[in-house]
Amino acid sequence: MWVYNRSGEKCLVCGDTIRMQRQGDLGRSTYWCPTCQPPQTTPA
């Protein structure tokens, strides 16, 4: 819950900017820190 509703603000852990994206038909919000929560990579 450290990132919820904090889009554009600094991450409390690393200081990077928190991001937000709307998803799905209902436009639900997803918040994340791109440094602390990088995209998951899948093996080739």
N, C-alpha and C. Protein backbone atom coordinates (compact mmCIF):
# COMPACT_ATOMS: atom_id res chain seq x y z
N MET A 1 0.81 -1.19 0.00
CA MET A 1 0.00 0.00 0.00
C MET A 1 0.86 1.26 0.00
N TRP A 2 2.16 1.13 -0.07
CA TRP A 2 3.05 2.29 -0.06
C TRP A 2 2.96 3.10 -1.34
N VAL A 3 2.42 2.54 -2.41
CA VAL A 3 2.35 3.28 -3.67
C VAL A 3 0.93 3.68 -4.06
N TYR A 4 -0.08 3.13 -3.40
CA TYR A 4 -1.46 3.39 -3.79
C TYR A 4 -1.79 4.88 -3.76
N ASN A 5 -2.34 5.37 -4.86
CA ASN A 5 -2.79 6.75 -4.99
C ASN A 5 -1.64 7.76 -4.86
N ARG A 6 -0.41 7.34 -5.20
CA ARG A 6 0.75 8.22 -5.08
C ARG A 6 1.44 8.42 -6.43
N SER A 7 0.71 8.30 -7.52
CA SER A 7 1.27 8.47 -8.86
C SER A 7 1.97 9.81 -8.98
N GLY A 8 3.20 9.78 -9.51
CA GLY A 8 3.99 11.00 -9.70
C GLY A 8 4.81 11.39 -8.49
N GLU A 9 4.55 10.76 -7.34
CA GLU A 9 5.33 11.04 -6.14
C GLU A 9 6.53 10.11 -6.06
N LYS A 10 7.43 10.37 -5.13
CA LYS A 10 8.63 9.57 -4.97
C LYS A 10 8.34 8.31 -4.17
N CYS A 11 8.96 7.20 -4.57
CA CYS A 11 8.87 5.93 -3.85
C CYS A 11 9.54 6.12 -2.49
N LEU A 12 8.92 5.60 -1.44
CA LEU A 12 9.47 5.72 -0.09
C LEU A 12 10.71 4.86 0.11
N VAL A 13 10.91 3.87 -0.75
CA VAL A 13 12.05 2.96 -0.62
C VAL A 13 13.25 3.44 -1.40
N CYS A 14 13.06 3.75 -2.70
CA CYS A 14 14.21 4.06 -3.55
C CYS A 14 14.23 5.49 -4.10
N GLY A 15 13.12 6.21 -4.02
CA GLY A 15 13.07 7.58 -4.50
C GLY A 15 12.68 7.75 -5.96
N ASP A 16 12.48 6.64 -6.69
CA ASP A 16 12.03 6.73 -8.08
C ASP A 16 10.58 7.21 -8.11
N THR A 17 10.10 7.63 -9.26
CA THR A 17 8.74 8.15 -9.40
C THR A 17 7.74 7.01 -9.54
N ILE A 18 6.70 7.03 -8.74
CA ILE A 18 5.64 6.02 -8.78
C ILE A 18 4.78 6.26 -10.02
N ARG A 19 4.43 5.17 -10.68
CA ARG A 19 3.65 5.25 -11.91
C ARG A 19 2.27 4.63 -11.70
N MET A 20 1.35 5.01 -12.59
CA MET A 20 -0.01 4.49 -12.54
C MET A 20 -0.48 4.21 -13.95
N GLN A 21 -1.22 3.11 -14.12
CA GLN A 21 -1.80 2.77 -15.42
C GLN A 21 -3.20 2.23 -15.20
N ARG A 22 -4.12 2.63 -16.05
CA ARG A 22 -5.49 2.11 -15.99
C ARG A 22 -5.57 0.86 -16.87
N GLN A 23 -6.29 -0.16 -16.38
CA GLN A 23 -6.34 -1.43 -17.09
C GLN A 23 -7.77 -1.95 -17.18
N GLY A 24 -8.03 -2.68 -18.24
CA GLY A 24 -9.30 -3.37 -18.40
C GLY A 24 -10.46 -2.47 -18.77
N ASP A 25 -11.61 -3.09 -18.96
CA ASP A 25 -12.82 -2.38 -19.37
C ASP A 25 -13.29 -1.39 -18.31
N LEU A 26 -13.01 -1.69 -17.05
CA LEU A 26 -13.45 -0.83 -15.96
C LEU A 26 -12.45 0.27 -15.62
N GLY A 27 -11.28 0.22 -16.24
CA GLY A 27 -10.27 1.24 -16.00
C GLY A 27 -9.69 1.21 -14.60
N ARG A 28 -9.50 0.02 -14.06
CA ARG A 28 -8.94 -0.10 -12.71
C ARG A 28 -7.51 0.41 -12.70
N SER A 29 -7.12 1.04 -11.62
CA SER A 29 -5.80 1.65 -11.50
C SER A 29 -4.79 0.68 -10.91
N THR A 30 -3.60 0.65 -11.51
CA THR A 30 -2.48 -0.12 -10.98
C THR A 30 -1.33 0.86 -10.74
N TYR A 31 -0.80 0.85 -9.53
CA TYR A 31 0.31 1.72 -9.14
C TYR A 31 1.54 0.86 -8.89
N TRP A 32 2.73 1.35 -9.31
CA TRP A 32 3.95 0.61 -9.06
C TRP A 32 5.17 1.53 -9.12
N CYS A 33 6.25 1.05 -8.52
CA CYS A 33 7.54 1.72 -8.62
C CYS A 33 8.36 0.92 -9.64
N PRO A 34 8.81 1.54 -10.74
CA PRO A 34 9.53 0.81 -11.77
C PRO A 34 10.88 0.26 -11.31
N THR A 35 11.44 0.80 -10.24
CA THR A 35 12.72 0.29 -9.72
C THR A 35 12.49 -0.88 -8.77
N CYS A 36 11.57 -0.72 -7.83
CA CYS A 36 11.32 -1.77 -6.84
C CYS A 36 10.49 -2.92 -7.40
N GLN A 37 9.70 -2.65 -8.44
CA GLN A 37 8.84 -3.67 -9.04
C GLN A 37 9.04 -3.68 -10.55
N PRO A 38 10.23 -4.11 -11.01
CA PRO A 38 10.50 -4.12 -12.46
C PRO A 38 9.65 -5.18 -13.16
N PRO A 39 9.48 -5.04 -14.48
CA PRO A 39 8.71 -6.04 -15.23
C PRO A 39 9.32 -7.43 -15.07
N GLN A 40 8.46 -8.42 -14.97
CA GLN A 40 8.93 -9.80 -14.85
C GLN A 40 9.43 -10.26 -16.21
N THR A 41 10.59 -10.87 -16.23
CA THR A 41 11.13 -11.40 -17.48
C THR A 41 10.83 -12.89 -17.55
N THR A 42 10.55 -13.36 -18.76
CA THR A 42 10.27 -14.78 -18.96
C THR A 42 11.44 -15.40 -19.72
N PRO A 43 11.82 -16.61 -19.35
CA PRO A 43 12.92 -17.27 -20.05
C PRO A 43 12.55 -17.55 -21.51
N ALA A 44 13.54 -17.49 -22.37
CA ALA A 44 13.32 -17.73 -23.80
C ALA A 44 13.10 -19.19 -24.11
